[in-house]
C-alpha atoms as a PDB file:
ATOM      1  CA  MET A   1       0.000   0.000   0.000  1.00  0.00           C
ATOM      2  CA  ILE A   2       1.263   3.460  -0.933  1.00  0.00           C
ATOM      3  CA  VAL A   3       0.508   6.058   1.751  1.00  0.00           C
ATOM      4  CA  PHE A   4       0.710   9.677   0.626  1.00  0.00           C
ATOM      5  CA  THR A   5       1.467  11.990   3.541  1.00  0.00           C
ATOM      6  CA  GLU A   6       2.253  15.377   1.984  1.00  0.00           C
ATOM      7  CA  VAL A   7       1.411  17.718  -0.876  1.00  0.00           C
ATOM      8  CA  ASP A   8       4.398  18.959  -2.869  1.00  0.00           C
ATOM      9  CA  ARG A   9       3.222  22.145  -4.582  1.00  0.00           C
ATOM     10  CA  SER A  10       6.767  23.021  -5.651  1.00  0.00           C
ATOM     11  CA  CYS A  11       6.886  20.052  -8.049  1.00  0.00           C
ATOM     12  CA  ASN A  12       5.884  20.339 -11.717  1.00  0.00           C
ATOM     13  CA  ALA A  13       2.836  18.065 -12.014  1.00  0.00           C
ATOM     14  CA  ASP A  14       3.561  17.432 -15.700  1.00  0.00           C
ATOM     15  CA  GLN A  15       6.664  15.482 -14.669  1.00  0.00           C
ATOM     16  CA  VAL A  16       4.695  13.003 -12.522  1.00  0.00           C
ATOM     17  CA  ALA A  17       3.520   9.946 -14.453  1.00  0.00           C
ATOM     18  CA  GLN A  18       1.264   8.373 -11.823  1.00  0.00           C
ATOM     19  CA  ARG A  19      -2.197   9.943 -11.735  1.00  0.00           C
ATOM     20  CA  LEU A  20      -4.693   9.725  -8.913  1.00  0.00           C
ATOM     21  CA  ALA A  21      -8.252  10.544 -10.040  1.00  0.00           C
ATOM     22  CA  LEU A  22     -10.387  11.877  -7.182  1.00  0.00           C
ATOM     23  CA  THR A  23     -13.931  13.230  -6.993  1.00  0.00           C
ATOM     24  CA  ALA A  24     -14.615  16.697  -5.563  1.00  0.00           C
ATOM     25  CA  GLU A  25     -15.583  15.138  -2.231  1.00  0.00           C
ATOM     26  CA  GLU A  26     -12.447  12.981  -2.135  1.00  0.00           C
ATOM     27  CA  ARG A  27     -10.251  16.028  -2.859  1.00  0.00           C
ATOM     28  CA  MET A  28     -11.596  17.609   0.338  1.00  0.00           C
ATOM     29  CA  ARG A  29     -10.613  14.672   2.564  1.00  0.00           C
ATOM     30  CA  SER A  30      -7.262  14.451   4.317  1.00  0.00           C
ATOM     31  CA  ARG A  31      -7.820  10.789   5.235  1.00  0.00           C
ATOM     32  CA  LEU A  32      -8.849   8.412   2.477  1.00  0.00           C
ATOM     33  CA  LEU A  33      -8.394   4.720   1.717  1.00  0.00           C
ATOM     34  CA  ILE A  34      -8.665   3.545  -1.891  1.00  0.00           C
ATOM     35  CA  GLU A  35      -8.352  -0.194  -1.336  1.00  0.00           C
ATOM     36  CA  ASN A  36      -8.683  -1.342  -4.964  1.00  0.00           C
ATOM     37  CA  ALA A  37      -5.755   0.933  -5.938  1.00  0.00           C
ATOM     38  CA  GLY A  38      -3.661   0.162  -2.856  1.00  0.00           C
ATOM     39  CA  ILE A  39      -3.480   3.866  -1.976  1.00  0.00           C
ATOM     40  CA  ALA A  40      -4.152   5.803   1.204  1.00  0.00           C
ATOM     41  CA  LEU A  41      -4.059   9.503   2.002  1.00  0.00           C
ATOM     42  CA  ARG A  42      -2.855  10.574   5.435  1.00  0.00           C
ATOM     43  CA  LEU A  43      -2.432  14.282   4.847  1.00  0.00           C
ATOM     44  CA  PRO A  44      -2.385  17.061   7.434  1.00  0.00           C
ATOM     45  CA  ARG A  45      -5.896  17.740   8.708  1.00  0.00           C
ATOM     46  CA  GLY A  46      -7.731  20.368   6.697  1.00  0.00           C
ATOM     47  CA  THR A  47      -5.756  19.725   3.492  1.00  0.00           C
ATOM     48  CA  VAL A  48      -7.833  20.433   0.382  1.00  0.00           C
ATOM     49  CA  LEU A  49      -6.424  18.977  -2.813  1.00  0.00           C
ATOM     50  CA  HIS A  50      -6.578  20.700  -6.181  1.00  0.00           C
ATOM     51  CA  GLU A  51      -6.103  19.330  -9.661  1.00  0.00           C
ATOM     52  CA  ASP A  52      -2.383  19.038 -10.495  1.00  0.00           C
ATOM     53  CA  ASP A  53      -1.278  18.917  -6.857  1.00  0.00           C
ATOM     54  CA  VAL A  54       1.504  16.384  -6.408  1.00  0.00           C
ATOM     55  CA  LEU A  55       1.230  13.922  -3.532  1.00  0.00           C
ATOM     56  CA  ARG A  56       4.335  12.425  -1.940  1.00  0.00           C
ATOM     57  CA  ALA A  57       4.859   9.283   0.113  1.00  0.00           C
ATOM     58  CA  PRO A  58       7.709   9.020   2.653  1.00  0.00           C
ATOM     59  CA  ASP A  59       9.630   6.772   0.223  1.00  0.00           C
ATOM     60  CA  GLY A  60       9.516   9.492  -2.483  1.00  0.00           C
ATOM     61  CA  GLU A  61       6.714   7.940  -4.533  1.00  0.00           C
ATOM     62  CA  ALA A  62       4.644  10.658  -6.215  1.00  0.00           C
ATOM     63  CA  ALA A  63       1.191  10.948  -7.796  1.00  0.00           C
ATOM     64  CA  ARG A  64      -0.526  13.795  -9.604  1.00  0.00           C
ATOM     65  CA  VAL A  65      -4.077  14.650  -8.519  1.00  0.00           C
ATOM     66  CA  VAL A  66      -6.619  14.838 -11.341  1.00  0.00           C
ATOM     67  CA  ALA A  67     -10.308  15.626 -11.079  1.00  0.00           C
ATOM     68  CA  LYS A  68     -12.376  12.524 -11.725  1.00  0.00           C
ATOM     69  CA  ALA A  69     -15.499  12.812 -13.882  1.00  0.00           C
ATOM     70  CA  GLU A  70     -18.562  12.271 -11.732  1.00  0.00           C
ATOM     71  CA  PRO A  71     -22.347  12.357 -12.151  1.00  0.00           C
ATOM     72  CA  VAL A  72     -23.531  15.973 -12.124  1.00  0.00           C
ATOM     73  CA  LEU A  73     -26.381  18.173 -13.274  1.00  0.00           C
ATOM     74  CA  ARG A  74     -25.619  21.167 -15.508  1.00  0.00           C
ATOM     75  CA  VAL A  75     -28.185  23.959 -15.235  1.00  0.00           C
ATOM     76  CA  THR A  76     -28.635  26.693 -17.832  1.00  0.00           C
ATOM     77  CA  ALA A  77     -31.209  29.449 -18.346  1.00  0.00           C
ATOM     78  CA  ASP A  78     -32.237  32.027 -20.911  1.00  0.00           C
ATOM     79  CA  GLN A  79     -32.097  34.854 -18.377  1.00  0.00           C
ATOM     80  CA  PRO A  80     -29.234  35.503 -15.918  1.00  0.00           C
ATOM     81  CA  ALA A  81     -31.770  36.220 -13.154  1.00  0.00           C
ATOM     82  CA  ASP A  82     -33.142  32.678 -13.507  1.00  0.00           C
ATOM     83  CA  LEU A  83     -29.646  31.273 -12.955  1.00  0.00           C
ATOM     84  CA  LEU A  84     -29.226  33.535  -9.920  1.00  0.00           C
ATOM     85  CA  ARG A  85     -32.541  32.255  -8.569  1.00  0.00           C
ATOM     86  CA  ALA A  86     -31.360  28.662  -9.045  1.00  0.00           C
ATOM     87  CA  ALA A  87     -28.095  29.451  -7.236  1.00  0.00           C
ATOM     88  CA  TYR A  88     -30.108  30.923  -4.368  1.00  0.00           C
ATOM     89  CA  HIS A  89     -32.263  27.798  -4.010  1.00  0.00           C
ATOM     90  CA  LEU A  90     -29.247  25.466  -4.170  1.00  0.00           C
ATOM     91  CA  GLY A  91     -27.309  27.577  -1.675  1.00  0.00           C
ATOM     92  CA  ASN A  92     -30.316  27.640   0.644  1.00  0.00           C
ATOM     93  CA  ARG A  93     -29.994  23.836   0.712  1.00  0.00           C
ATOM     94  CA  HIS A  94     -26.209  23.997   1.276  1.00  0.00           C
ATOM     95  CA  VAL A  95     -25.546  22.149  -1.991  1.00  0.00           C
ATOM     96  CA  PRO A  96     -21.949  22.381  -3.250  1.00  0.00           C
ATOM     97  CA  VAL A  97     -22.158  24.231  -6.595  1.00  0.00           C
ATOM     98  CA  GLU A  98     -19.713  25.072  -9.359  1.00  0.00           C
ATOM     99  CA  VAL A  99     -20.640  28.575 -10.546  1.00  0.00           C
ATOM    100  CA  HIS A 100     -20.101  29.952 -14.060  1.00  0.00           C
ATOM    101  CA  VAL A 101     -21.505  32.989 -15.828  1.00  0.00           C
ATOM    102  CA  ASP A 102     -23.726  30.829 -18.050  1.00  0.00           C
ATOM    103  CA  ARG A 103     -24.311  27.656 -15.999  1.00  0.00           C
ATOM    104  CA  LEU A 104     -24.352  25.989 -12.599  1.00  0.00           C
ATOM    105  CA  ILE A 105     -23.074  22.479 -11.947  1.00  0.00           C
ATOM    106  CA  PHE A 106     -23.806  20.351  -8.884  1.00  0.00           C
ATOM    107  CA  GLY A 107     -23.860  16.711  -7.846  1.00  0.00           C
ATOM    108  CA  ARG A 108     -26.612  14.689  -9.494  1.00  0.00           C
ATOM    109  CA  ASP A 109     -29.797  14.908  -7.445  1.00  0.00           C
ATOM    110  CA  PRO A 110     -33.063  14.111  -9.253  1.00  0.00           C
ATOM    111  CA  VAL A 111     -35.217  15.959  -6.692  1.00  0.00           C
ATOM    112  CA  LEU A 112     -33.227  19.193  -7.025  1.00  0.00           C
ATOM    113  CA  GLY A 113     -33.113  18.761 -10.804  1.00  0.00           C
ATOM    114  CA  ALA A 114     -36.916  18.461 -10.938  1.00  0.00           C
ATOM    115  CA  MET A 115     -37.286  21.532  -8.693  1.00  0.00           C
ATOM    116  CA  LEU A 116     -35.112  23.605 -11.055  1.00  0.00           C
ATOM    117  CA  GLU A 117     -36.948  22.322 -14.134  1.00  0.00           C
ATOM    118  CA  HIS A 118     -40.215  23.336 -12.427  1.00  0.00           C
ATOM    119  CA  LEU A 119     -38.728  26.842 -12.101  1.00  0.00           C
ATOM    120  CA  GLY A 120     -38.177  26.877 -15.887  1.00  0.00           C
ATOM    121  CA  LEU A 121     -34.440  26.103 -16.051  1.00  0.00           C
ATOM    122  CA  ARG A 122     -32.782  23.581 -18.368  1.00  0.00           C
ATOM    123  CA  VAL A 123     -31.233  20.674 -16.454  1.00  0.00           C
ATOM    124  CA  GLU A 124     -28.881  18.235 -18.176  1.00  0.00           C
ATOM    125  CA  SER A 125     -27.448  15.110 -16.600  1.00  0.00           C
ATOM    126  CA  CYS A 126     -23.799  14.487 -17.481  1.00  0.00           C
ATOM    127  CA  GLU A 127     -20.437  13.184 -16.218  1.00  0.00           C
ATOM    128  CA  LEU A 128     -17.818  15.897 -15.691  1.00  0.00           C
ATOM    129  CA  PRO A 129     -14.964  16.781 -13.381  1.00  0.00           C
ATOM    130  CA  PHE A 130     -16.602  18.848 -10.618  1.00  0.00           C
ATOM    131  CA  PHE A 131     -15.023  21.944  -9.013  1.00  0.00           C
ATOM    132  CA  PRO A 132     -17.495  23.313  -6.439  1.00  0.00           C
ATOM    133  CA  GLU A 133     -16.987  26.753  -4.950  1.00  0.00           C
ATOM    134  CA  ARG A 134     -14.807  26.789  -1.890  1.00  0.00           C
ATOM    135  CA  GLY A 135     -16.200  28.184   1.335  1.00  0.00           C
ATOM    136  CA  ALA A 136     -16.177  31.936   1.779  1.00  0.00           C
ATOM    137  CA  TYR A 137     -13.638  31.612   4.597  1.00  0.00           C
ATOM    138  CA  GLU A 138     -11.233  29.507   2.505  1.00  0.00           C
ATOM    139  CA  GLY A 139     -10.067  32.436   0.386  1.00  0.00           C
ATOM    140  CA  HIS A 140     -10.909  33.811  -3.006  1.00  0.00           C
ATOM    141  CA  ALA A 141      -7.765  33.023  -5.009  1.00  0.00           C
ATOM    142  CA  ASP A 142      -8.518  31.739  -8.488  1.00  0.00           C
ATOM    143  CA  ASP A 143      -7.154  28.213  -8.599  1.00  0.00           C
ATOM    144  CA  GLY A 144      -7.380  27.967 -12.389  1.00  0.00           C
ATOM    145  CA  HIS A 145     -10.184  25.396 -12.346  1.00  0.00           C
ATOM    146  CA  ARG A 146     -12.906  27.332 -14.133  1.00  0.00           C
ATOM    147  CA  HIS A 147     -14.485  25.316 -16.927  1.00  0.00           C
END
């Protein structure tokens, strides 16, 4: 079993051959066991991983973090105000959301999808890498993951 214990942000991710695909939820966990891959994360508490972070094991083994495609709903609207209204309703339910000027993306939830369709928005089910907004207290730096 490979146990990754640190994030090496000084390393060029393009030079790391091993890739570790993680969902948005998995990238927020500092402790994770991926038994079928023989990999564990034991990172400092509170570590949030980003795409292209490089993980290191004590023996020097390295892996590049990539965002794994996962089931999501993509919401679009004809009017910006309708998209704002959708963001309000999702936020009111504390749903992690990826926000763009022309669309919202969130984890697949048929009940929420039906609610938004009832409000007149277009809801499309798809599989995409998911980059939800970070919490307001986690900083506002652009991490380059806008899609």
